[in-house]
Amino acid sequence: MPNPGIEIIKNAGIVGAGGAGFPSHIKFDAKVDTLIVNAAECEPLIHVDKIILQNSFERVYEGLRIAAGLTGAKRVVVALKGKYKEAIHAIEEFKKSQSLGSSGFDFEIFKLGNFYPAGDEQVLVYEVTKRVVPEGGIPLMVGTVVTNVETLYNVAEAMEGKNVTDKFVTVNGEVNNPLTLKVPVGTPVKTLLDYCGGIKIDNYSVLDGGPMMGKLIDEKTYAVK
C-alpha cells in the first residue's frame, strides 16, 4: 500500500527544485541512512536557497522532518557554504528556539568550503560522508538522498494541501533592483526584469540558471518553469 506522505508529494507535483526536476516522491520513497540538504548554491549571483533559509527555515525544517521520516534517515545534514553567515545564524537560532539538541527531530549543520562545484551531488556526498558515488551513479547507491532547500519548502506546503504553483527566483546582474522573488509558475521573464527596474545596459544577454551552468534565453518568450 502506498505511503500517504509519498502520495501527497506525488499529487502535489513536487520535483527537485534545484534544476534537475527529478520527481521527489520517487527519491523520498527510498530507504537510506543519510539525508543531505544541498544548500551550497554554487552558481554566482543566485541567492534563492540563502533567502529561504534566512526567512523561512521553519518551513524547510518541517519538510526536512517529513523527508527524514519517509526515508528512514538517521543522519540528517543541512550543508551550506561557511561564508553564508546570515543563513547559518538563522538556522542556529531556530535550533536554539526549538531545543532540538535535547528532544525531538534534530539535524546537523555542515559548513562547506567556498569552492566550485561544492553543490555537485557527488562532491557534496563525499564532503559530508566521505563516501564515493560511483561514476555515472546516484547518491542512493551509497545510502544517501540529496535534496534541495526549495523542494523541502514545497513538501511542507504540500502537507497543508498546497500544490506547487510558485517558484523562487533570483533576478540579478545588470538590473536596476536585483531581487529574489516568489512568483507564479508561468510568469514571463520579461515581467520579472521589468519588476526589478529594467536592464541597465543596452547590449545584454539573459541567462536561466546562472552564469556558470545557465542557458541563454529570450526574455520575451521564456517563462518561469
N, C-alpha and C. Protein backbone atom coordinates (compact mmCIF):
# COMPACT_ATOMS: atom_id res chain seq x y z
N MET A 1 0.85 -1.20 0.00
CA MET A 1 0.00 0.00 0.00
C MET A 1 0.89 1.25 0.00
N PRO A 2 0.62 2.20 -0.90
CA PRO A 2 1.47 3.40 -0.98
C PRO A 2 1.46 4.19 0.32
N ASN A 3 2.60 4.76 0.66
CA ASN A 3 2.70 5.62 1.83
C ASN A 3 1.91 6.91 1.58
N PRO A 4 1.03 7.31 2.51
CA PRO A 4 0.22 8.52 2.29
C PRO A 4 1.06 9.76 2.04
N GLY A 5 2.18 9.89 2.76
CA GLY A 5 3.05 11.05 2.56
C GLY A 5 3.63 11.09 1.16
N ILE A 6 4.05 9.92 0.66
CA ILE A 6 4.59 9.84 -0.69
C ILE A 6 3.53 10.22 -1.71
N GLU A 7 2.31 9.78 -1.49
CA GLU A 7 1.21 10.09 -2.41
C GLU A 7 0.91 11.58 -2.42
N ILE A 8 0.97 12.22 -1.26
CA ILE A 8 0.73 13.67 -1.19
C ILE A 8 1.79 14.42 -2.00
N ILE A 9 3.04 14.03 -1.82
CA ILE A 9 4.14 14.68 -2.55
C ILE A 9 3.98 14.47 -4.06
N LYS A 10 3.60 13.26 -4.45
CA LYS A 10 3.39 12.96 -5.86
C LYS A 10 2.26 13.79 -6.44
N ASN A 11 1.13 13.82 -5.75
CA ASN A 11 -0.04 14.53 -6.26
C ASN A 11 0.13 16.04 -6.26
N ALA A 12 1.04 16.54 -5.41
CA ALA A 12 1.30 17.98 -5.38
C ALA A 12 2.20 18.42 -6.53
N GLY A 13 2.76 17.46 -7.25
CA GLY A 13 3.61 17.79 -8.39
C GLY A 13 5.00 18.25 -8.01
N ILE A 14 5.51 17.77 -6.87
CA ILE A 14 6.82 18.23 -6.40
C ILE A 14 7.94 17.49 -7.12
N VAL A 15 8.84 18.26 -7.71
CA VAL A 15 10.05 17.72 -8.32
C VAL A 15 11.24 18.49 -7.76
N GLY A 16 12.44 17.98 -7.99
CA GLY A 16 13.62 18.65 -7.49
C GLY A 16 13.69 20.09 -7.97
N ALA A 17 13.73 21.03 -7.04
CA ALA A 17 13.70 22.45 -7.40
C ALA A 17 15.08 23.00 -7.71
N GLY A 18 16.12 22.16 -7.59
CA GLY A 18 17.47 22.64 -7.84
C GLY A 18 17.85 22.69 -9.30
N GLY A 19 16.96 22.18 -10.18
CA GLY A 19 17.25 22.26 -11.60
C GLY A 19 17.07 20.95 -12.34
N ALA A 20 17.33 19.81 -11.66
CA ALA A 20 17.24 18.52 -12.35
C ALA A 20 15.80 18.10 -12.59
N GLY A 21 14.89 18.47 -11.70
CA GLY A 21 13.49 18.16 -11.88
C GLY A 21 13.12 16.71 -11.63
N PHE A 22 13.93 15.97 -10.87
CA PHE A 22 13.64 14.56 -10.58
C PHE A 22 12.43 14.48 -9.64
N PRO A 23 11.47 13.59 -9.92
CA PRO A 23 10.27 13.50 -9.08
C PRO A 23 10.61 13.18 -7.62
N SER A 24 10.17 14.05 -6.72
CA SER A 24 10.56 13.91 -5.31
C SER A 24 9.91 12.70 -4.65
N HIS A 25 8.73 12.29 -5.11
CA HIS A 25 8.08 11.14 -4.48
C HIS A 25 8.87 9.86 -4.70
N ILE A 26 9.61 9.78 -5.81
CA ILE A 26 10.45 8.61 -6.06
C ILE A 26 11.68 8.65 -5.16
N LYS A 27 12.30 9.82 -5.06
CA LYS A 27 13.50 9.97 -4.24
C LYS A 27 13.21 9.67 -2.77
N PHE A 28 12.09 10.18 -2.25
CA PHE A 28 11.79 10.02 -0.83
C PHE A 28 11.17 8.67 -0.50
N ASP A 29 10.92 7.85 -1.51
CA ASP A 29 10.40 6.51 -1.28
C ASP A 29 11.53 5.50 -1.06
N ALA A 30 12.78 5.98 -1.14
CA ALA A 30 13.94 5.12 -0.90
C ALA A 30 14.26 5.06 0.58
N LYS A 31 14.94 4.01 1.01
CA LYS A 31 15.38 3.88 2.40
C LYS A 31 16.90 4.07 2.46
N VAL A 32 17.32 5.06 3.23
CA VAL A 32 18.75 5.40 3.32
C VAL A 32 19.10 5.71 4.78
N ASP A 33 20.40 5.84 5.05
CA ASP A 33 20.80 6.21 6.41
C ASP A 33 21.17 7.68 6.54
N THR A 34 21.35 8.37 5.38
CA THR A 34 21.77 9.77 5.41
C THR A 34 20.93 10.60 4.45
N LEU A 35 20.47 11.74 4.95
CA LEU A 35 19.71 12.70 4.14
C LEU A 35 20.46 14.03 4.17
N ILE A 36 20.80 14.55 3.00
CA ILE A 36 21.55 15.80 2.91
C ILE A 36 20.72 16.86 2.20
N VAL A 37 20.63 18.04 2.81
CA VAL A 37 20.02 19.19 2.16
C VAL A 37 21.13 19.95 1.44
N ASN A 38 21.01 20.04 0.13
CA ASN A 38 22.03 20.72 -0.67
C ASN A 38 21.71 22.22 -0.73
N ALA A 39 22.37 22.98 0.13
CA ALA A 39 22.19 24.44 0.16
C ALA A 39 23.47 25.15 -0.24
N ALA A 40 24.33 24.46 -1.00
CA ALA A 40 25.63 25.03 -1.38
C ALA A 40 25.47 26.23 -2.31
N GLU A 41 24.48 26.14 -3.20
CA GLU A 41 24.17 27.24 -4.13
C GLU A 41 25.44 27.81 -4.77
N CYS A 42 26.03 27.00 -5.63
CA CYS A 42 27.34 27.35 -6.21
C CYS A 42 27.27 28.43 -7.28
N GLU A 43 26.16 28.53 -7.99
CA GLU A 43 26.09 29.50 -9.08
C GLU A 43 26.24 30.93 -8.56
N PRO A 44 27.18 31.68 -9.11
CA PRO A 44 27.30 33.09 -8.71
C PRO A 44 26.00 33.85 -8.99
N LEU A 45 25.69 34.81 -8.15
CA LEU A 45 24.55 35.73 -8.29
C LEU A 45 23.21 35.11 -7.92
N ILE A 46 23.16 33.82 -7.62
CA ILE A 46 21.90 33.16 -7.26
C ILE A 46 21.79 33.09 -5.74
N HIS A 47 20.64 33.51 -5.19
CA HIS A 47 20.51 33.60 -3.74
C HIS A 47 19.23 32.95 -3.19
N VAL A 48 18.58 32.11 -3.98
CA VAL A 48 17.30 31.53 -3.56
C VAL A 48 17.42 30.74 -2.26
N ASP A 49 18.36 29.80 -2.21
CA ASP A 49 18.48 28.96 -1.01
C ASP A 49 18.78 29.79 0.23
N LYS A 50 19.70 30.74 0.09
CA LYS A 50 20.06 31.58 1.24
C LYS A 50 18.86 32.36 1.75
N ILE A 51 18.07 32.92 0.83
CA ILE A 51 16.90 33.71 1.24
C ILE A 51 15.86 32.83 1.93
N ILE A 52 15.62 31.64 1.39
CA ILE A 52 14.64 30.74 2.03
C ILE A 52 15.13 30.33 3.42
N LEU A 53 16.39 29.98 3.54
CA LEU A 53 16.94 29.57 4.84
C LEU A 53 16.88 30.70 5.85
N GLN A 54 17.17 31.91 5.41
CA GLN A 54 17.16 33.06 6.32
C GLN A 54 15.76 33.44 6.77
N ASN A 55 14.79 33.34 5.87
CA ASN A 55 13.46 33.89 6.15
C ASN A 55 12.38 32.85 6.42
N SER A 56 12.59 31.61 5.99
CA SER A 56 11.52 30.61 6.11
C SER A 56 12.06 29.25 6.53
N PHE A 57 13.06 29.23 7.40
CA PHE A 57 13.65 27.94 7.74
C PHE A 57 12.66 27.01 8.44
N GLU A 58 11.68 27.57 9.14
CA GLU A 58 10.71 26.71 9.81
C GLU A 58 9.95 25.83 8.81
N ARG A 59 9.73 26.35 7.59
CA ARG A 59 9.07 25.55 6.56
C ARG A 59 10.02 24.48 6.03
N VAL A 60 11.27 24.86 5.83
CA VAL A 60 12.27 23.89 5.37
C VAL A 60 12.43 22.78 6.41
N TYR A 61 12.46 23.15 7.68
CA TYR A 61 12.59 22.17 8.76
C TYR A 61 11.43 21.18 8.73
N GLU A 62 10.22 21.67 8.54
CA GLU A 62 9.07 20.78 8.50
C GLU A 62 9.18 19.80 7.34
N GLY A 63 9.59 20.30 6.17
CA GLY A 63 9.80 19.41 5.02
C GLY A 63 10.92 18.42 5.27
N LEU A 64 11.96 18.87 5.95
CA LEU A 64 13.10 18.01 6.27
C LEU A 64 12.68 16.90 7.23
N ARG A 65 11.89 17.25 8.20
CA ARG A 65 11.39 16.26 9.17
C ARG A 65 10.57 15.18 8.46
N ILE A 66 9.73 15.62 7.52
CA ILE A 66 8.90 14.68 6.77
C ILE A 66 9.76 13.78 5.88
N ALA A 67 10.72 14.38 5.18
CA ALA A 67 11.59 13.61 4.28
C ALA A 67 12.42 12.59 5.05
N ALA A 68 12.91 12.99 6.22
CA ALA A 68 13.69 12.06 7.04
C ALA A 68 12.83 10.89 7.50
N GLY A 69 11.59 11.17 7.85
CA GLY A 69 10.69 10.11 8.27
C GLY A 69 10.38 9.14 7.14
N LEU A 70 10.19 9.66 5.95
CA LEU A 70 9.88 8.81 4.80
C LEU A 70 11.07 7.93 4.39
N THR A 71 12.27 8.48 4.45
CA THR A 71 13.46 7.74 4.01
C THR A 71 14.08 6.89 5.12
N GLY A 72 13.71 7.18 6.37
CA GLY A 72 14.30 6.46 7.49
C GLY A 72 15.71 6.92 7.84
N ALA A 73 16.13 8.05 7.31
CA ALA A 73 17.50 8.54 7.53
C ALA A 73 17.74 8.85 9.01
N LYS A 74 18.84 8.36 9.54
CA LYS A 74 19.22 8.62 10.93
C LYS A 74 20.14 9.83 11.04
N ARG A 75 20.92 10.07 9.98
CA ARG A 75 21.77 11.26 9.95
C ARG A 75 21.16 12.25 8.96
N VAL A 76 20.87 13.44 9.44
CA VAL A 76 20.24 14.47 8.61
C VAL A 76 21.12 15.71 8.65
N VAL A 77 21.51 16.20 7.47
CA VAL A 77 22.52 17.25 7.37
C VAL A 77 22.04 18.38 6.48
N VAL A 78 22.16 19.61 6.96
CA VAL A 78 21.96 20.79 6.12
C VAL A 78 23.35 21.28 5.74
N ALA A 79 23.71 21.16 4.47
CA ALA A 79 25.06 21.51 4.01
C ALA A 79 25.03 22.82 3.23
N LEU A 80 25.79 23.79 3.70
CA LEU A 80 25.87 25.08 3.02
C LEU A 80 27.26 25.66 3.22
N LYS A 81 27.62 26.62 2.40
CA LYS A 81 28.95 27.20 2.49
C LYS A 81 29.11 27.99 3.79
N GLY A 82 30.28 27.84 4.39
CA GLY A 82 30.54 28.52 5.65
C GLY A 82 30.45 30.02 5.57
N LYS A 83 30.58 30.57 4.36
CA LYS A 83 30.53 32.03 4.20
C LYS A 83 29.10 32.58 4.27
N TYR A 84 28.10 31.69 4.25
CA TYR A 84 26.71 32.15 4.30
C TYR A 84 26.32 32.39 5.76
N LYS A 85 26.90 33.42 6.35
CA LYS A 85 26.79 33.68 7.79
C LYS A 85 25.34 33.91 8.23
N GLU A 86 24.59 34.70 7.47
CA GLU A 86 23.22 35.03 7.88
C GLU A 86 22.33 33.79 7.87
N ALA A 87 22.48 32.96 6.86
CA ALA A 87 21.68 31.73 6.80
C ALA A 87 22.04 30.79 7.93
N ILE A 88 23.33 30.65 8.21
CA ILE A 88 23.77 29.79 9.32
C ILE A 88 23.23 30.31 10.64
N HIS A 89 23.27 31.62 10.82
CA HIS A 89 22.75 32.22 12.06
C HIS A 89 21.26 31.93 12.22
N ALA A 90 20.50 32.06 11.13
CA ALA A 90 19.06 31.80 11.19
C ALA A 90 18.78 30.35 11.57
N ILE A 91 19.55 29.42 11.01
CA ILE A 91 19.35 28.01 11.32
C ILE A 91 19.72 27.72 12.77
N GLU A 92 20.83 28.26 13.22
CA GLU A 92 21.26 28.04 14.61
C GLU A 92 20.27 28.62 15.60
N GLU A 93 19.72 29.79 15.29
CA GLU A 93 18.72 30.39 16.17
C GLU A 93 17.46 29.54 16.22
N PHE A 94 17.07 28.96 15.09
CA PHE A 94 15.91 28.08 15.07
C PHE A 94 16.16 26.86 15.94
N LYS A 95 17.34 26.26 15.81
CA LYS A 95 17.67 25.10 16.62
C LYS A 95 17.58 25.42 18.11
N LYS A 96 18.09 26.59 18.50
CA LYS A 96 18.03 27.00 19.91
C LYS A 96 16.59 27.20 20.36
N SER A 97 15.79 27.84 19.53
CA SER A 97 14.42 28.15 19.92
C SER A 97 13.56 26.91 20.07
N GLN A 98 13.91 25.86 19.34
CA GLN A 98 13.14 24.61 19.39
C GLN A 98 13.74 23.58 20.33
N SER A 99 14.88 23.90 20.95
CA SER A 99 15.57 22.96 21.85
C SER A 99 15.79 21.61 21.17
N LEU A 100 16.22 21.65 19.92
CA LEU A 100 16.34 20.42 19.14
C LEU A 100 17.45 19.50 19.64
N GLY A 101 18.43 20.07 20.32
CA GLY A 101 19.53 19.24 20.79
C GLY A 101 19.14 18.28 21.89
N SER A 102 18.02 18.55 22.58
CA SER A 102 17.64 17.73 23.73
C SER A 102 16.44 16.84 23.47
N SER A 103 15.63 17.20 22.48
CA SER A 103 14.43 16.39 22.23
C SER A 103 13.94 16.61 20.81
N GLY A 104 13.16 15.65 20.33
CA GLY A 104 12.56 15.77 19.02
C GLY A 104 13.52 15.54 17.87
N PHE A 105 13.04 15.78 16.67
CA PHE A 105 13.82 15.57 15.45
C PHE A 105 14.94 16.60 15.37
N ASP A 106 16.15 16.16 15.11
CA ASP A 106 17.29 17.07 15.05
C ASP A 106 18.07 16.85 13.76
N PHE A 107 18.95 17.78 13.47
CA PHE A 107 19.79 17.72 12.28
C PHE A 107 21.10 18.43 12.59
N GLU A 108 22.07 18.26 11.71
CA GLU A 108 23.35 18.95 11.90
C GLU A 108 23.59 19.94 10.76
N ILE A 109 24.39 20.95 11.05
CA ILE A 109 24.81 21.92 10.04
C ILE A 109 26.21 21.56 9.59
N PHE A 110 26.41 21.42 8.29
CA PHE A 110 27.73 21.11 7.74
C PHE A 110 28.19 22.30 6.91
N LYS A 111 29.31 22.89 7.31
CA LYS A 111 29.81 24.09 6.63
C LYS A 111 30.82 23.69 5.55
N LEU A 112 30.46 23.98 4.32
CA LEU A 112 31.30 23.65 3.17
C LEU A 112 32.31 24.77 2.91
N GLY A 113 33.41 24.40 2.26
CA GLY A 113 34.36 25.40 1.82
C GLY A 113 33.81 26.20 0.65
N ASN A 114 34.43 27.33 0.38
CA ASN A 114 33.98 28.19 -0.71
C ASN A 114 34.67 27.79 -2.01
N PHE A 115 34.21 26.69 -2.61
CA PHE A 115 34.79 26.22 -3.86
C PHE A 115 33.69 25.77 -4.81
N TYR A 116 34.04 25.71 -6.07
CA TYR A 116 33.11 25.26 -7.11
C TYR A 116 33.62 23.93 -7.66
N PRO A 117 32.75 22.90 -7.77
CA PRO A 117 31.31 22.92 -7.54
C PRO A 117 30.91 22.20 -6.24
N ALA A 118 30.91 22.87 -5.15
CA ALA A 118 30.56 22.25 -3.87
C ALA A 118 29.15 21.65 -3.89
N GLY A 119 28.28 22.19 -4.74
CA GLY A 119 26.91 21.70 -4.79
C GLY A 119 26.69 20.51 -5.70
N ASP A 120 27.71 20.09 -6.42
CA ASP A 120 27.59 18.87 -7.22
C ASP A 120 27.30 17.69 -6.29
N GLU A 121 26.34 16.85 -6.65
CA GLU A 121 25.92 15.78 -5.73
C GLU A 121 27.06 14.86 -5.32
N GLN A 122 27.87 14.44 -6.29
CA GLN A 122 28.96 13.54 -5.97
C GLN A 122 29.97 14.20 -5.03
N VAL A 123 30.27 15.46 -5.31
CA VAL A 123 31.20 16.21 -4.45
C VAL A 123 30.60 16.40 -3.06
N LEU A 124 29.34 16.78 -3.01
CA LEU A 124 28.67 17.04 -1.74
C LEU A 124 28.62 15.78 -0.87
N VAL A 125 28.24 14.67 -1.47
CA VAL A 125 28.16 13.41 -0.71
C VAL A 125 29.52 13.05 -0.13
N TYR A 126 30.57 13.23 -0.91
CA TYR A 126 31.90 12.91 -0.40
C TYR A 126 32.30 13.85 0.72
N GLU A 127 32.04 15.13 0.57
CA GLU A 127 32.40 16.10 1.60
C GLU A 127 31.72 15.78 2.93
N VAL A 128 30.46 15.40 2.87
CA VAL A 128 29.67 15.17 4.09
C VAL A 128 29.89 13.78 4.67
N THR A 129 29.98 12.75 3.81
CA THR A 129 30.00 11.37 4.30
C THR A 129 31.32 10.63 4.05
N LYS A 130 32.17 11.18 3.17
CA LYS A 130 33.40 10.51 2.70
C LYS A 130 33.09 9.24 1.90
N ARG A 131 31.87 9.12 1.44
CA ARG A 131 31.50 8.02 0.55
C ARG A 131 31.66 8.47 -0.90
N VAL A 132 32.06 7.55 -1.76
CA VAL A 132 32.28 7.87 -3.17
C VAL A 132 31.11 7.33 -3.99
N VAL A 133 30.37 8.22 -4.62
CA VAL A 133 29.30 7.81 -5.52
C VAL A 133 29.95 7.29 -6.80
N PRO A 134 29.59 6.08 -7.25
CA PRO A 134 30.21 5.52 -8.46
C PRO A 134 30.01 6.44 -9.67
N GLU A 135 30.98 6.42 -10.57
CA GLU A 135 30.88 7.23 -11.79
C GLU A 135 29.60 6.88 -12.54
N GLY A 136 28.82 7.90 -12.85
CA GLY A 136 27.55 7.68 -13.52
C GLY A 136 26.45 7.23 -12.59
N GLY A 137 26.75 7.13 -11.29
CA GLY A 137 25.78 6.65 -10.31
C GLY A 137 25.04 7.79 -9.62
N ILE A 138 24.26 7.42 -8.61
CA ILE A 138 23.48 8.38 -7.85
C ILE A 138 23.76 8.17 -6.36
N PRO A 139 23.50 9.19 -5.53
CA PRO A 139 23.78 9.08 -4.09
C PRO A 139 23.09 7.90 -3.41
N LEU A 140 21.93 7.48 -3.93
CA LEU A 140 21.21 6.36 -3.35
C LEU A 140 22.07 5.10 -3.29
N MET A 141 23.01 4.97 -4.22
CA MET A 141 23.89 3.80 -4.26
C MET A 141 24.80 3.71 -3.04
N VAL A 142 24.99 4.83 -2.35
CA VAL A 142 25.82 4.83 -1.14
C VAL A 142 24.99 5.24 0.08
N GLY A 143 23.71 4.88 0.05
CA GLY A 143 22.85 5.06 1.21
C GLY A 143 22.50 6.50 1.55
N THR A 144 22.46 7.35 0.52
CA THR A 144 22.25 8.77 0.75
C THR A 144 21.21 9.34 -0.21
N VAL A 145 20.38 10.23 0.31
CA VAL A 145 19.49 11.03 -0.53
C VAL A 145 19.89 12.49 -0.38
N VAL A 146 20.03 13.17 -1.52
CA VAL A 146 20.33 14.60 -1.53
C VAL A 146 19.11 15.34 -2.05
N THR A 147 18.68 16.35 -1.33
CA THR A 147 17.51 17.12 -1.74
C THR A 147 17.80 18.61 -1.65
N ASN A 148 16.91 19.39 -2.20
CA ASN A 148 17.09 20.83 -2.34
C ASN A 148 16.27 21.61 -1.30
N VAL A 149 16.73 22.79 -0.97
CA VAL A 149 16.05 23.64 0.02
C VAL A 149 14.61 23.93 -0.39
N GLU A 150 14.42 24.39 -1.61
CA GLU A 150 13.07 24.75 -2.06
C GLU A 150 12.18 23.52 -2.17
N THR A 151 12.75 22.38 -2.51
CA THR A 151 11.98 21.14 -2.55
C THR A 151 11.36 20.84 -1.19
N LEU A 152 12.14 20.98 -0.13
CA LEU A 152 11.63 20.72 1.22
C LEU A 152 10.59 21.75 1.62
N TYR A 153 10.78 22.98 1.21
CA TYR A 153 9.76 24.02 1.43
C TYR A 153 8.45 23.57 0.79
N ASN A 154 8.53 23.06 -0.44
CA ASN A 154 7.33 22.62 -1.15
C ASN A 154 6.69 21.40 -0.50
N VAL A 155 7.51 20.52 0.07
CA VAL A 155 6.97 19.35 0.78
C VAL A 155 6.12 19.81 1.97
N ALA A 156 6.63 20.76 2.72
CA ALA A 156 5.88 21.29 3.86
C ALA A 156 4.56 21.91 3.40
N GLU A 157 4.61 22.64 2.30
CA GLU A 157 3.39 23.25 1.76
C GLU A 157 2.39 22.18 1.32
N ALA A 158 2.89 21.11 0.70
CA ALA A 158 2.02 20.04 0.21
C ALA A 158 1.25 19.37 1.33
N MET A 159 1.89 19.24 2.49
CA MET A 159 1.22 18.60 3.62
C MET A 159 0.06 19.44 4.15
N GLU A 160 0.01 20.70 3.71
CA GLU A 160 -1.12 21.57 4.05
C GLU A 160 -2.07 21.74 2.87
N GLY A 161 -1.93 20.85 1.88
CA GLY A 161 -2.85 20.84 0.75
C GLY A 161 -2.52 21.81 -0.36
N LYS A 162 -1.29 22.34 -0.39
CA LYS A 162 -0.91 23.33 -1.40
C LYS A 162 -0.05 22.68 -2.48
N ASN A 163 -0.53 22.73 -3.72
CA ASN A 163 0.24 22.21 -4.84
C ASN A 163 1.34 23.19 -5.23
N VAL A 164 2.29 22.73 -6.04
CA VAL A 164 3.39 23.59 -6.48
C VAL A 164 2.90 24.47 -7.63
N THR A 165 2.64 25.73 -7.32
CA THR A 165 2.22 26.69 -8.34
C THR A 165 3.13 27.91 -8.38
N ASP A 166 4.11 27.96 -7.47
CA ASP A 166 5.03 29.10 -7.40
C ASP A 166 6.47 28.62 -7.46
N LYS A 167 7.36 29.53 -7.78
CA LYS A 167 8.79 29.24 -7.87
C LYS A 167 9.59 30.42 -7.32
N PHE A 168 10.63 30.11 -6.53
CA PHE A 168 11.54 31.15 -6.07
C PHE A 168 12.58 31.40 -7.17
N VAL A 169 12.83 32.67 -7.46
CA VAL A 169 13.82 33.02 -8.48
C VAL A 169 14.65 34.22 -8.01
N THR A 170 15.89 34.25 -8.42
CA THR A 170 16.74 35.43 -8.22
C THR A 170 16.90 36.13 -9.56
N VAL A 171 16.65 37.42 -9.58
CA VAL A 171 16.90 38.26 -10.76
C VAL A 171 18.09 39.14 -10.41
N ASN A 172 19.20 38.94 -11.11
CA ASN A 172 20.44 39.60 -10.70
C ASN A 172 21.27 39.97 -11.93
N GLY A 173 22.34 40.68 -11.70
CA GLY A 173 23.19 41.13 -12.79
C GLY A 173 22.93 42.59 -13.11
N GLU A 174 22.85 42.91 -14.39
CA GLU A 174 22.71 44.31 -14.82
C GLU A 174 21.24 44.76 -14.83
N VAL A 175 20.58 44.57 -13.68
CA VAL A 175 19.24 45.12 -13.49
C VAL A 175 19.32 46.19 -12.42
N ASN A 176 18.35 47.09 -12.43
CA ASN A 176 18.42 48.23 -11.51
C ASN A 176 18.13 47.86 -10.06
N ASN A 177 17.34 46.82 -9.84
CA ASN A 177 16.98 46.44 -8.47
C ASN A 177 16.99 44.92 -8.33
N PRO A 178 18.17 44.32 -8.15
CA PRO A 178 18.24 42.86 -8.02
C PRO A 178 17.39 42.35 -6.85
N LEU A 179 16.64 41.28 -7.10
CA LEU A 179 15.74 40.75 -6.08
C LEU A 179 15.67 39.23 -6.16
N THR A 180 15.31 38.61 -5.03
CA THR A 180 14.89 37.21 -5.02
C THR A 180 13.41 37.21 -4.72
N LEU A 181 12.63 36.56 -5.57
CA LEU A 181 11.18 36.65 -5.54
C LEU A 181 10.53 35.27 -5.54
N LYS A 182 9.31 35.20 -5.02
CA LYS A 182 8.46 34.03 -5.18
C LYS A 182 7.36 34.41 -6.16
N VAL A 183 7.34 33.74 -7.31
CA VAL A 183 6.43 34.14 -8.39
C VAL A 183 5.66 32.93 -8.90
N PRO A 184 4.50 33.15 -9.52
CA PRO A 184 3.75 32.04 -10.10
C PRO A 184 4.51 31.39 -11.25
N VAL A 185 4.45 30.07 -11.32
CA VAL A 185 4.99 29.35 -12.47
C VAL A 185 4.28 29.87 -13.72
N GLY A 186 5.04 30.14 -14.76
CA GLY A 186 4.46 30.69 -15.98
C GLY A 186 4.64 32.18 -16.13
N THR A 187 5.19 32.84 -15.09
CA THR A 187 5.44 34.27 -15.18
C THR A 187 6.48 34.55 -16.26
N PRO A 188 6.19 35.46 -17.21
CA PRO A 188 7.19 35.78 -18.24
C PRO A 188 8.45 36.39 -17.63
N VAL A 189 9.61 36.00 -18.14
CA VAL A 189 10.86 36.57 -17.65
C VAL A 189 10.89 38.08 -17.86
N LYS A 190 10.32 38.55 -18.95
CA LYS A 190 10.26 39.99 -19.21
C LYS A 190 9.54 40.71 -18.07
N THR A 191 8.50 40.10 -17.52
CA THR A 191 7.77 40.70 -16.40
C THR A 191 8.68 40.82 -15.18
N LEU A 192 9.50 39.81 -14.93
CA LEU A 192 10.43 39.85 -13.79
C LEU A 192 11.46 40.95 -13.97
N LEU A 193 12.00 41.07 -15.18
CA LEU A 193 13.00 42.10 -15.44
C LEU A 193 12.41 43.49 -15.26
N ASP A 194 11.19 43.68 -15.72
CA ASP A 194 10.52 44.97 -15.55
C ASP A 194 10.27 45.26 -14.07
N TYR A 195 9.85 44.23 -13.33
CA TYR A 195 9.57 44.40 -11.90
C TYR A 195 10.84 44.80 -11.14
N CYS A 196 11.98 44.33 -11.62
CA CYS A 196 13.26 44.64 -10.98
C CYS A 196 13.88 45.93 -11.53
N GLY A 197 13.07 46.75 -12.13
CA GLY A 197 13.52 48.07 -12.55
C GLY A 197 14.11 48.15 -13.93
N GLY A 198 14.06 47.05 -14.67
CA GLY A 198 14.59 47.05 -16.02
C GLY A 198 16.10 46.83 -16.07
N ILE A 199 16.60 46.70 -17.28
CA ILE A 199 18.01 46.41 -17.51
C ILE A 199 18.80 47.70 -17.70
N LYS A 200 19.99 47.75 -17.10
CA LYS A 200 20.78 48.99 -17.06
C LYS A 200 21.62 49.23 -18.31
N ILE A 201 21.80 48.22 -19.14
CA ILE A 201 22.68 48.36 -20.31
C ILE A 201 21.91 48.00 -21.58
N ASP A 202 22.45 48.41 -22.71
CA ASP A 202 21.78 48.16 -23.99
C ASP A 202 22.16 46.81 -24.59
N ASN A 203 23.41 46.45 -24.50
CA ASN A 203 23.89 45.20 -25.10
C ASN A 203 23.97 44.13 -24.02
N TYR A 204 23.02 43.21 -23.97
CA TYR A 204 22.95 42.24 -22.88
C TYR A 204 22.44 40.89 -23.37
N SER A 205 22.63 39.89 -22.54
CA SER A 205 22.04 38.57 -22.74
C SER A 205 21.37 38.16 -21.44
N VAL A 206 20.38 37.29 -21.52
CA VAL A 206 19.66 36.80 -20.34
C VAL A 206 19.92 35.30 -20.20
N LEU A 207 20.32 34.90 -19.00
CA LEU A 207 20.60 33.50 -18.71
C LEU A 207 19.58 32.95 -17.73
N ASP A 208 19.15 31.72 -17.96
CA ASP A 208 18.33 30.99 -17.00
C ASP A 208 19.23 29.96 -16.32
N GLY A 209 19.43 30.11 -15.00
CA GLY A 209 20.20 29.11 -14.27
C GLY A 209 21.54 29.57 -13.76
N GLY A 210 21.93 30.80 -14.05
CA GLY A 210 23.19 31.29 -13.51
C GLY A 210 24.29 31.37 -14.54
N PRO A 211 25.35 32.12 -14.25
CA PRO A 211 26.42 32.35 -15.23
C PRO A 211 27.31 31.16 -15.52
N MET A 212 27.40 30.18 -14.62
CA MET A 212 28.28 29.04 -14.84
C MET A 212 27.63 27.94 -15.68
N MET A 213 26.40 27.58 -15.32
CA MET A 213 25.73 26.45 -15.98
C MET A 213 24.42 26.85 -16.65
N GLY A 214 24.10 28.14 -16.65
CA GLY A 214 22.84 28.59 -17.22
C GLY A 214 22.82 28.53 -18.74
N LYS A 215 21.63 28.73 -19.29
CA LYS A 215 21.47 28.72 -20.74
C LYS A 215 20.88 30.05 -21.19
N LEU A 216 21.26 30.46 -22.39
CA LEU A 216 20.74 31.70 -22.97
C LEU A 216 19.27 31.53 -23.30
N ILE A 217 18.48 32.54 -22.96
CA ILE A 217 17.05 32.50 -23.24
C ILE A 217 16.61 33.83 -23.86
N ASP A 218 15.43 33.81 -24.45
CA ASP A 218 14.79 35.02 -24.95
C ASP A 218 13.78 35.47 -23.91
N GLU A 219 14.06 36.59 -23.25
CA GLU A 219 13.18 37.03 -22.16
C GLU A 219 11.79 37.39 -22.63
N LYS A 220 11.61 37.59 -23.93
CA LYS A 220 10.29 37.98 -24.45
C LYS A 220 9.36 36.78 -24.57
N THR A 221 9.93 35.58 -24.68
CA THR A 221 9.11 34.38 -24.88
C THR A 221 9.26 33.35 -23.77
N TYR A 222 10.28 33.47 -22.94
CA TYR A 222 10.57 32.46 -21.92
C TYR A 222 9.82 32.79 -20.63
N ALA A 223 9.35 31.74 -19.95
CA ALA A 223 8.60 31.92 -18.71
C ALA A 223 9.19 31.06 -17.60
N VAL A 224 8.87 31.40 -16.36
CA VAL A 224 9.34 30.66 -15.19
C VAL A 224 8.75 29.26 -15.22
N LYS A 225 9.60 28.25 -15.00
CA LYS A 225 9.16 26.85 -15.01
C LYS A 225 9.29 26.25 -13.62
